[in-house]
């Protein structure tokens, strides 16, 4: 487990970021809340520069077990099963992307942050990045 104090967009005195162990991350990927000590990491997870990729990774982790079971247990030619499972996975990814903001905001709320806080942090980050680019600092 790595402990890392956030910098940049995190305010002074912000909680340290405690990365969850693999088991807790897997439960988190399926929608479970994390222990209180991981509160700072949840905010980092839903506001970091790669938060959309992280969301996509969690979605794939949710889809894969069901896709494998369907591929194994549905009767018929492999190409039909693979096509059906593939199209279902694409639909799952599509609908996950439709609700990406709401899902990530809900994760932050479950970690104890007020509604809208994750979006505000992302907006502040974008504004700071824009100012740095305008002033030639990044």
Foldseek 3Di string as FASTA:
>chain_A
DDWAADDDLDDPPDQIADDDDPVQVLVVLVPDAHPLSRLVVLLCCCQPPCNVVSLLVSLCSVLVVVLVVQCPPPDDDNVVSVVVSVVVSVVSSVVSVVCVVVSSQVNNVSSPDDRPPSVVSNVVVVVVVVVCVVVVND
